[in-house]
Amino acid sequence: GEDDIENSKALARNAWDLLHRWKVVPGSKTVGGEIDEEVLSSWVNRTRELLLEADRLDVGEAHIGQVFAHARRDGDIWPALAVRNFLDTNSTEVIDRNFVVGIHNKRGVTSRGMTEGGDQERALAAQYEVFASQISDEWPKTARLLRRVVEGYREEARRNDEEAQRIQEGFDL
């Protein structure tokens, strides 16, 4: 009856909230924790089976891709080895695309001076370019995904530069 519908709606809301707060990479115990590659791989494979049965593979893989954006560093290298290995060998287009989206999203809200331009984004582009360069020989696919992030930040920098230029010219009138 009506109670069942309300319970289903509440359950769906809770599941949605949980997915959007999810930042612990499977195979690790904490945000930014060490990742057990075997656990990660078997978790993703089992989760894919369940998602397929529920006809929710795309939405589930989207969340998996986004949570990978919260992986830890291995020293100076990012993302962690288990995530690099997964992305290069066992990933899908949906996971790949949402890994890139997740990197942009984890940045959160930014603030800047009206005439500052795209300096923040150029700094981020440079950082991800370094990450991509460090791994490109052994993990070419992950490096390509990081270079998509670089391009996204460079594009955002250009837009912010143009906006700052318009504001500057407005002040010069």
Protein backbone atom coordinates (compact mmCIF):
# COMPACT_ATOMS: atom_id res chain seq x y z
CA GLY A 1 0.00 0.00 0.00
CA GLU A 2 0.91 3.61 0.56
CA ASP A 3 3.37 2.75 3.36
CA ASP A 4 5.27 0.45 1.01
CA ILE A 5 5.56 3.23 -1.56
CA GLU A 6 6.83 5.67 1.09
CA ASN A 7 9.32 3.07 2.38
CA SER A 8 10.58 2.45 -1.16
CA LYS A 9 11.01 6.17 -1.75
CA ALA A 10 12.88 6.57 1.55
CA LEU A 11 15.11 3.60 0.71
CA ALA A 12 15.87 5.03 -2.74
CA ARG A 13 16.68 8.45 -1.21
CA ASN A 14 19.00 6.86 1.36
CA ALA A 15 20.76 4.80 -1.30
CA TRP A 16 21.22 7.91 -3.47
CA ASP A 17 22.60 9.92 -0.51
CA LEU A 18 24.96 7.09 0.37
CA LEU A 19 26.31 6.84 -3.18
CA HIS A 20 26.95 10.57 -3.32
CA ARG A 21 28.86 10.54 -0.03
CA TRP A 22 30.79 7.37 -0.95
CA LYS A 23 34.51 8.16 -1.00
CA VAL A 24 36.15 4.92 0.24
CA VAL A 25 37.64 2.97 -2.67
CA PRO A 26 36.61 -0.70 -2.48
CA GLY A 27 39.49 -2.78 -1.15
CA SER A 28 40.47 -0.08 1.37
CA LYS A 29 39.16 0.51 4.85
CA THR A 30 39.25 4.32 4.97
CA VAL A 31 39.18 7.34 2.67
CA GLY A 32 42.68 7.52 1.20
CA GLY A 33 43.55 4.13 2.70
CA GLU A 34 45.77 1.39 1.30
CA ILE A 35 43.91 -0.53 -1.44
CA ASP A 36 43.99 -4.33 -1.63
CA GLU A 37 43.99 -4.92 -5.38
CA GLU A 38 42.51 -8.42 -5.16
CA VAL A 39 39.64 -7.23 -2.98
CA LEU A 40 39.02 -4.28 -5.31
CA SER A 41 38.90 -6.50 -8.37
CA SER A 42 36.61 -9.17 -6.90
CA TRP A 43 34.36 -6.48 -5.38
CA VAL A 44 33.94 -4.73 -8.75
CA ASN A 45 33.32 -8.02 -10.58
CA ARG A 46 30.66 -9.13 -8.06
CA THR A 47 29.10 -5.67 -8.00
CA ARG A 48 28.88 -5.65 -11.80
CA GLU A 49 27.01 -9.00 -11.69
CA LEU A 50 24.52 -7.59 -9.17
CA LEU A 51 24.13 -4.34 -11.10
CA LEU A 52 23.50 -6.28 -14.30
CA GLU A 53 20.80 -8.37 -12.57
CA ALA A 54 19.19 -5.17 -11.29
CA ASP A 55 19.51 -3.52 -14.73
CA ARG A 56 21.58 -0.75 -13.13
CA LEU A 57 25.04 -1.42 -14.57
CA ASP A 58 25.58 2.06 -16.05
CA VAL A 59 24.56 4.02 -12.96
CA GLY A 60 26.57 1.68 -10.72
CA GLU A 61 29.68 1.90 -12.87
CA ALA A 62 29.31 5.69 -12.93
CA HIS A 63 29.61 5.72 -9.13
CA ILE A 64 32.55 3.30 -9.21
CA GLY A 65 34.37 5.62 -11.61
CA GLN A 66 33.68 8.64 -9.42
CA VAL A 67 34.88 6.94 -6.24
CA PHE A 68 38.17 6.06 -7.98
CA ALA A 69 38.82 9.81 -8.10
CA HIS A 70 39.24 9.61 -4.30
CA ALA A 71 42.05 7.04 -4.44
CA ARG A 72 45.22 7.74 -2.47
CA ARG A 73 48.62 8.59 -3.88
CA ASP A 74 51.52 6.17 -3.97
CA GLY A 75 54.25 8.58 -2.91
CA ASP A 76 54.25 11.24 -5.63
CA ILE A 77 52.26 9.12 -8.07
CA TRP A 78 48.48 9.29 -8.43
CA PRO A 79 46.19 7.38 -8.52
CA ALA A 80 47.23 4.40 -6.38
CA LEU A 81 48.61 1.30 -8.11
CA ALA A 82 45.45 -0.82 -7.67
CA VAL A 83 43.33 1.86 -9.37
CA ARG A 84 45.86 2.33 -12.20
CA ASN A 85 45.94 -1.43 -12.79
CA PHE A 86 42.14 -1.62 -12.76
CA LEU A 87 41.67 1.32 -15.14
CA ASP A 88 44.23 -0.06 -17.59
CA THR A 89 42.96 -3.65 -17.65
CA ASN A 90 39.41 -4.05 -16.34
CA SER A 91 37.60 -0.75 -16.83
CA THR A 92 34.72 0.31 -19.06
CA GLU A 93 33.89 3.52 -20.91
CA VAL A 94 31.35 4.44 -18.19
CA ILE A 95 33.90 3.98 -15.38
CA ASP A 96 36.57 5.86 -17.35
CA ARG A 97 34.30 8.82 -18.13
CA ASN A 98 33.10 9.07 -14.52
CA PHE A 99 36.63 8.81 -13.13
CA VAL A 100 37.36 12.02 -15.08
CA VAL A 101 34.08 13.59 -13.88
CA GLY A 102 34.86 12.56 -10.30
CA ILE A 103 38.25 14.28 -10.41
CA HIS A 104 36.58 17.54 -11.44
CA ASN A 105 33.77 17.12 -8.89
CA LYS A 106 36.02 16.41 -5.91
CA ARG A 107 37.49 19.88 -6.31
CA GLY A 108 34.27 21.36 -4.96
CA VAL A 109 33.31 25.03 -5.08
CA THR A 110 36.11 27.50 -5.84
CA SER A 111 36.41 31.23 -5.39
CA ARG A 112 38.59 33.71 -7.21
CA GLY A 113 39.04 37.41 -7.73
CA MET A 114 36.99 38.84 -10.58
CA THR A 115 40.06 39.49 -12.72
CA GLU A 116 42.12 36.48 -11.60
CA GLY A 117 41.50 34.37 -14.71
CA GLY A 118 42.40 30.70 -15.03
CA ASP A 119 45.53 30.46 -12.86
CA GLN A 120 43.97 27.90 -10.49
CA GLU A 121 42.99 25.65 -13.39
CA ARG A 122 46.40 25.99 -15.06
CA ALA A 123 48.03 24.84 -11.81
CA LEU A 124 45.70 21.83 -11.65
CA ALA A 125 46.32 21.03 -15.33
CA ALA A 126 50.06 21.09 -14.66
CA GLN A 127 49.66 18.76 -11.65
CA TYR A 128 47.62 16.21 -13.61
CA GLU A 129 50.05 16.46 -16.54
CA VAL A 130 52.83 15.43 -14.12
CA PHE A 131 50.73 12.50 -12.86
CA ALA A 132 50.04 11.43 -16.47
CA SER A 133 53.72 11.69 -17.47
CA GLN A 134 54.84 9.60 -14.49
CA ILE A 135 52.63 6.66 -15.45
CA SER A 136 52.27 6.87 -19.24
CA ASP A 137 54.78 4.09 -20.02
CA GLU A 138 53.27 1.42 -17.76
CA TRP A 139 49.63 2.61 -17.55
CA PRO A 140 48.92 4.31 -20.91
CA LYS A 141 45.14 4.16 -20.57
CA THR A 142 45.10 5.77 -17.11
CA ALA A 143 47.52 8.41 -18.41
CA ARG A 144 45.11 9.16 -21.29
CA LEU A 145 42.28 9.63 -18.77
CA LEU A 146 44.44 12.02 -16.74
CA ARG A 147 45.22 13.96 -19.92
CA ARG A 148 41.45 14.34 -20.45
CA VAL A 149 41.41 15.97 -17.02
CA VAL A 150 44.30 18.23 -18.10
CA GLU A 151 42.37 19.29 -21.22
CA GLY A 152 39.26 19.97 -19.14
CA TYR A 153 41.19 22.23 -16.77
CA ARG A 154 42.94 24.01 -19.66
CA GLU A 155 39.56 24.68 -21.27
CA GLU A 156 38.20 25.98 -17.95
CA ALA A 157 41.30 28.20 -17.60
CA ARG A 158 40.65 29.70 -21.06
CA ARG A 159 37.03 30.44 -20.13
CA ASN A 160 38.11 32.07 -16.85
CA ASP A 161 40.77 34.12 -18.68
CA GLU A 162 38.15 35.34 -21.18
CA GLU A 163 35.73 36.23 -18.37
CA ALA A 164 38.47 38.14 -16.50
CA GLN A 165 39.37 39.93 -19.75
CA ARG A 166 35.74 41.00 -20.28
CA ILE A 167 35.52 42.28 -16.71
CA GLN A 168 38.85 44.10 -17.06
CA GLU A 169 37.72 45.73 -20.31
CA GLY A 170 34.45 46.71 -18.63
CA PHE A 171 36.42 48.50 -15.91
CA ASP A 172 38.61 50.25 -18.50
CA LEU A 173 35.66 51.98 -20.18
